[in-house]
Protein backbone atom coordinates (compact mmCIF):
# COMPACT_ATOMS: atom_id res chain seq x y z
CA MET A 1 0.00 0.00 0.00
CA ARG A 2 1.46 3.36 -1.02
CA GLU A 3 2.21 5.68 1.88
CA PHE A 4 3.68 8.64 0.01
CA GLY A 5 3.21 10.25 -3.38
CA PHE A 6 6.36 11.35 -5.19
CA PRO A 7 6.88 15.00 -4.15
CA GLY A 8 5.76 17.39 -6.87
CA ALA A 9 4.01 14.68 -8.90
CA SER A 10 0.68 16.48 -8.73
CA ALA A 11 -0.64 16.25 -12.30
CA ASP A 12 -3.76 14.33 -13.22
CA ARG A 13 -3.11 11.22 -15.26
CA SER A 14 -5.10 12.54 -18.21
CA GLY A 15 -2.73 15.47 -18.69
CA ALA A 16 0.55 13.93 -17.54
CA ASP A 17 3.78 14.12 -19.51
CA TYR A 18 5.47 11.79 -17.02
CA ALA A 19 4.05 9.04 -14.81
CA VAL A 20 5.67 7.46 -11.75
CA LEU A 21 4.73 3.81 -11.24
CA GLY A 22 6.03 1.64 -8.41
CA ALA A 23 6.78 -2.02 -9.06
CA PRO A 24 7.72 -3.57 -5.68
CA LEU A 25 8.75 -7.00 -6.99
CA ASP A 26 11.03 -8.81 -4.55
CA VAL A 27 11.21 -12.49 -5.48
CA SER A 28 14.71 -13.22 -6.83
CA THR A 29 16.98 -11.04 -4.70
CA THR A 30 20.00 -13.19 -3.87
CA PHE A 31 21.62 -11.48 -0.89
CA GLN A 32 19.75 -8.71 0.92
CA PRO A 33 16.01 -8.68 0.21
CA GLY A 34 13.80 -5.64 0.75
CA THR A 35 13.25 -4.15 -2.71
CA ARG A 36 9.52 -4.40 -2.06
CA PHE A 37 10.01 -1.31 0.09
CA GLY A 38 11.93 0.56 -2.62
CA PRO A 39 9.15 2.57 -4.29
CA ASP A 40 7.73 4.03 -1.07
CA ARG A 41 11.21 4.62 0.29
CA ILE A 42 12.25 6.57 -2.80
CA ARG A 43 9.13 8.70 -2.59
CA ARG A 44 9.63 9.39 1.12
CA PHE A 45 13.29 10.40 0.93
CA ALA A 46 12.61 12.66 -2.06
CA GLY A 47 10.54 14.79 0.29
CA THR A 48 13.58 16.84 1.34
CA PHE A 49 14.29 18.19 -2.16
CA ASP A 50 13.40 21.73 -3.19
CA ASP A 51 10.85 21.93 -5.98
CA TYR A 52 12.95 24.42 -7.94
CA ASP A 53 15.88 23.34 -10.14
CA HIS A 54 18.37 26.16 -10.63
CA ARG A 55 20.14 24.54 -13.61
CA THR A 56 17.02 24.40 -15.77
CA GLY A 57 15.10 27.22 -14.10
CA THR A 58 12.02 25.04 -13.63
CA ASN A 59 9.91 23.63 -10.84
CA PHE A 60 9.33 19.90 -10.72
CA SER A 61 5.68 20.47 -9.86
CA ASP A 62 5.22 22.42 -13.13
CA LEU A 63 6.38 19.53 -15.35
CA ASP A 64 3.12 17.54 -15.35
CA VAL A 65 4.30 14.49 -13.43
CA HIS A 66 1.65 12.06 -12.22
CA ASP A 67 2.11 9.41 -9.53
CA ALA A 68 0.13 6.32 -10.54
CA GLY A 69 0.89 4.50 -7.29
CA ASP A 70 2.20 0.95 -7.07
CA LEU A 71 1.31 -2.15 -9.00
CA ASP A 72 1.38 -4.58 -6.10
CA ALA A 73 3.53 -7.61 -6.89
CA TRP A 74 2.90 -11.33 -6.52
CA ASP A 75 5.15 -14.40 -6.62
CA ASP A 76 4.67 -15.37 -10.28
CA ALA A 77 7.29 -13.10 -11.89
CA ALA A 78 6.35 -13.94 -15.49
CA ASP A 79 2.69 -13.18 -14.88
CA TYR A 80 3.51 -10.00 -12.97
CA LEU A 81 5.87 -8.75 -15.69
CA SER A 82 3.21 -9.35 -18.32
CA PHE A 83 0.68 -7.29 -16.38
CA LEU A 84 3.24 -4.59 -15.60
CA ARG A 85 4.14 -4.37 -19.27
CA GLY A 86 0.48 -3.74 -20.06
CA GLN A 87 0.25 -0.95 -17.49
CA LEU A 88 3.40 0.69 -18.85
CA SER A 89 2.20 0.33 -22.44
CA ASP A 90 -0.96 2.18 -21.44
CA LEU A 91 1.16 5.06 -20.14
CA HIS A 92 3.10 5.21 -23.41
CA ASP A 93 -0.16 5.19 -25.37
CA GLU A 94 -1.47 8.06 -23.23
CA GLY A 95 1.59 10.15 -24.10
CA ALA A 96 3.33 9.90 -20.73
CA VAL A 97 6.95 8.90 -20.21
CA PRO A 98 6.97 6.07 -17.64
CA LEU A 99 9.18 6.54 -14.57
CA LEU A 100 9.37 3.08 -13.03
CA LEU A 101 10.41 2.61 -9.39
CA GLY A 102 11.69 -0.85 -8.42
CA GLY A 103 11.56 -3.33 -6.95
CA GLU A 104 14.22 -5.73 -8.11
CA HIS A 105 15.85 -5.18 -11.47
CA THR A 106 13.65 -7.80 -13.11
CA VAL A 107 10.91 -5.16 -13.45
CA THR A 108 13.04 -3.50 -16.12
CA VAL A 109 12.18 -6.39 -18.44
CA ALA A 110 8.57 -5.20 -18.48
CA GLY A 111 9.71 -1.61 -19.02
CA VAL A 112 11.80 -2.53 -22.05
CA ARG A 113 9.06 -4.70 -23.53
CA ALA A 114 6.63 -1.80 -23.24
CA ALA A 115 9.00 0.85 -24.63
CA VAL A 116 10.61 -1.23 -27.44
CA PRO A 117 13.79 0.90 -27.53
CA GLU A 118 16.61 0.63 -30.02
CA VAL A 119 19.23 1.05 -27.31
CA PHE A 120 19.19 -0.23 -23.73
CA VAL A 121 21.36 1.92 -21.45
CA CYS A 122 21.95 0.66 -17.96
CA VAL A 123 23.93 1.83 -14.95
CA ASP A 124 24.81 -1.39 -13.15
CA ALA A 125 27.57 -3.06 -11.17
CA HIS A 126 26.70 -6.37 -12.83
CA LEU A 127 26.52 -7.42 -16.47
CA ASP A 128 23.16 -9.18 -15.98
CA LEU A 129 23.77 -11.23 -19.13
CA ARG A 130 23.06 -14.65 -17.64
CA THR A 131 20.55 -16.94 -19.31
CA GLU A 132 19.47 -18.04 -15.83
CA TYR A 133 20.56 -17.73 -12.23
CA ALA A 134 19.90 -20.49 -9.69
CA GLY A 135 17.62 -22.07 -12.28
CA ASN A 136 15.54 -18.90 -12.71
CA GLU A 137 15.32 -17.46 -16.23
CA LEU A 138 13.60 -14.33 -14.87
CA SER A 139 16.18 -13.49 -12.23
CA HIS A 140 17.46 -9.97 -11.64
CA ALA A 141 20.77 -11.32 -13.03
CA THR A 142 19.25 -11.86 -16.51
CA VAL A 143 17.89 -8.38 -17.23
CA THR A 144 20.31 -7.18 -19.91
CA ARG A 145 20.04 -10.48 -21.78
CA HIS A 146 16.26 -10.07 -21.87
CA ALA A 147 16.62 -6.43 -22.94
CA LEU A 148 18.69 -7.54 -25.91
CA GLU A 149 15.74 -9.61 -27.11
CA ILE A 150 14.09 -6.24 -27.81
CA ALA A 151 16.84 -3.63 -28.22
CA ASP A 152 19.47 -3.68 -30.93
CA GLU A 153 22.27 -2.89 -28.51
CA ALA A 154 23.05 -2.50 -24.83
CA VAL A 155 25.38 -0.06 -23.10
CA ILE A 156 26.30 -1.08 -19.55
CA LEU A 157 27.84 1.73 -17.53
CA GLY A 158 29.83 1.00 -14.37
CA ALA A 159 29.87 -2.79 -14.69
CA ARG A 160 32.66 -4.38 -12.73
CA THR A 161 31.68 -7.99 -12.23
CA GLY A 162 30.17 -10.95 -14.05
CA SER A 163 30.72 -14.60 -14.85
CA GLU A 164 33.19 -15.71 -17.51
CA THR A 165 30.29 -16.56 -19.80
CA GLU A 166 28.79 -13.11 -19.29
CA TRP A 167 32.05 -11.40 -20.16
CA ASP A 168 32.24 -13.52 -23.33
CA ARG A 169 28.72 -12.38 -24.25
CA ALA A 170 29.65 -8.78 -23.44
CA SER A 171 32.50 -8.94 -25.97
CA GLU A 172 30.01 -9.24 -28.85
CA SER A 173 29.27 -6.25 -31.08
CA ASP A 174 25.83 -5.45 -29.66
CA VAL A 175 27.14 -4.85 -26.12
CA THR A 176 29.31 -1.99 -24.88
CA VAL A 177 30.69 -2.12 -21.34
CA VAL A 178 32.04 1.10 -19.84
CA PRO A 179 34.02 0.43 -16.64
CA PRO A 180 33.55 2.76 -13.67
CA GLU A 181 36.78 4.64 -14.25
CA ASP A 182 35.68 5.59 -17.80
CA VAL A 183 32.07 6.58 -17.13
CA ALA A 184 32.85 10.23 -16.44
CA ALA A 185 34.21 10.61 -19.99
CA TRP A 186 31.44 8.63 -21.69
CA VAL A 187 29.02 10.36 -24.05
CA PRO A 188 26.05 8.78 -25.87
CA GLU A 189 26.84 7.83 -29.46
CA PHE A 190 23.53 6.48 -30.70
CA GLY A 191 22.30 9.46 -32.69
CA ASP A 192 18.54 9.59 -33.11
CA SER A 193 17.97 6.09 -31.73
CA GLU A 194 15.40 5.82 -28.95
CA ALA A 195 16.83 4.63 -25.64
CA TYR A 196 15.58 3.08 -22.46
CA LEU A 197 17.50 4.19 -19.37
CA SER A 198 17.72 1.91 -16.35
CA VAL A 199 19.61 2.75 -13.16
CA ASP A 200 20.34 -0.16 -10.87
CA ILE A 201 21.35 1.63 -7.69
CA ASP A 202 24.13 -0.93 -7.10
CA GLY A 203 25.95 0.70 -9.99
CA LEU A 204 26.97 3.30 -7.45
CA ASP A 205 29.64 2.50 -4.91
CA PRO A 206 28.04 1.01 -1.79
CA GLY A 207 29.63 3.78 0.25
CA PHE A 208 27.04 6.08 -1.35
CA ALA A 209 24.15 3.64 -1.77
CA PRO A 210 24.42 0.78 0.73
CA GLY A 211 20.69 0.05 0.67
CA THR A 212 20.70 -2.49 -2.14
CA GLY A 213 20.63 -6.24 -2.52
CA THR A 214 24.02 -7.10 -3.99
CA MET A 215 26.67 -4.54 -3.11
CA GLU A 216 29.79 -4.36 -5.27
CA PRO A 217 32.67 -2.01 -4.29
CA PHE A 218 34.55 0.35 -6.61
CA GLY A 219 31.48 1.85 -8.25
CA LEU A 220 30.26 5.24 -9.43
CA VAL A 221 29.89 8.34 -7.31
CA PRO A 222 26.48 10.05 -7.41
CA ARG A 223 27.65 12.91 -9.64
CA GLU A 224 28.76 10.43 -12.30
CA ALA A 225 25.35 8.74 -12.24
CA ARG A 226 23.67 12.16 -12.41
CA ASP A 227 25.70 13.11 -15.48
CA VAL A 228 24.76 9.85 -17.21
CA VAL A 229 21.09 10.54 -16.56
CA ARG A 230 21.38 14.07 -17.90
CA ALA A 231 23.17 12.83 -21.04
CA VAL A 232 20.79 9.98 -21.86
CA ALA A 233 17.47 11.60 -20.88
CA PRO A 234 17.05 13.54 -24.16
CA HIS A 235 17.21 10.22 -26.07
CA ALA A 236 15.04 8.19 -23.69
CA THR A 237 11.39 7.22 -23.93
CA ALA A 238 11.31 5.59 -20.48
CA PHE A 239 13.30 5.51 -17.25
CA ASP A 240 13.61 3.33 -14.21
CA VAL A 241 15.58 3.21 -10.99
CA VAL A 242 15.66 -0.14 -9.20
CA GLU A 243 17.16 -2.33 -6.46
CA VAL A 244 16.66 0.13 -3.60
CA ASN A 245 15.88 -1.66 -0.33
CA ASP A 246 15.43 -0.73 3.34
CA ARG A 247 18.87 -1.77 4.61
CA ASP A 248 20.35 1.70 5.08
CA ASP A 249 19.43 5.10 6.48
CA GLY A 250 17.97 6.35 3.23
CA GLN A 251 21.14 6.96 1.23
CA ALA A 252 20.18 4.74 -1.71
CA ALA A 253 16.60 5.99 -1.82
CA SER A 254 17.72 9.61 -1.69
CA VAL A 255 20.06 9.16 -4.65
CA ALA A 256 17.37 7.26 -6.56
CA GLY A 257 14.81 10.01 -6.03
CA LYS A 258 17.26 12.67 -7.09
CA LEU A 259 18.16 10.77 -10.26
CA LEU A 260 14.49 10.48 -11.19
CA ARG A 261 14.11 14.24 -10.83
CA GLU A 262 17.27 14.82 -12.88
CA PHE A 263 15.82 12.66 -15.63
CA VAL A 264 12.60 14.66 -15.73
CA PHE A 265 14.35 18.04 -15.64
CA ALA A 266 16.76 17.04 -18.43
CA HIS A 267 14.11 15.35 -20.58
CA ALA A 268 11.64 18.23 -20.22
CA ALA A 269 14.30 20.82 -21.07
CA THR A 270 15.01 19.03 -24.33
CA THR A 271 11.34 18.58 -25.17
CA ASP A 272 10.60 22.25 -24.54
CA SER A 273 13.57 23.57 -26.49
């Protein structure tokens, strides 16, 4: 049950340019569970942010963002993802850019299936190119592989771990891996192609975002993630931020909420120009 609306998301659905939707799926987390609390936690810790953005000269509350609440999850991941895809497709059809709050990273599969992007861009510590994990073909560790069933290419920013088989798959021409030390210099090179942007909060160093399921040291700092969001937003037709749990004092949720706002500010500035 949703306790908080995303601050500033005050538009009616019928007139929304952006729509927040929570997807609290938490069935395949392999270390620290709790992503079911992610959507509400992100909303709550975004409550400290000023409405006004000095860089773009706009107020978040003026950008026609609607909060559609949460799509409560159940244990059948395939069935849930199918229903979630339908809800996200409805938002696209209504002219709103979906802003999906996870939940485990598996929810991104529904987001990509609804958006049908040409390029999948993901901030992530992990390659997520497995065909299955622990016998589960819809694990959070398989997300990028599933995305490549839809998108023509994937760009994984900040990846620093994966199995040998995953690294072999990542060496193919439709995958680009940018290690953490090179992310600050990275710029999008996909022209007019439509992108889907996914931020797995574990792409950041756990010193900045410890509230996540599978922490991996030596990651991005928040400013680097912010700059990625600003760079990709003009090309993106959908956004998500995932893998936030309740195992910290709000650091991960705070960063996630801020990145969502940065996406909206950057996307709206491009649309209005």
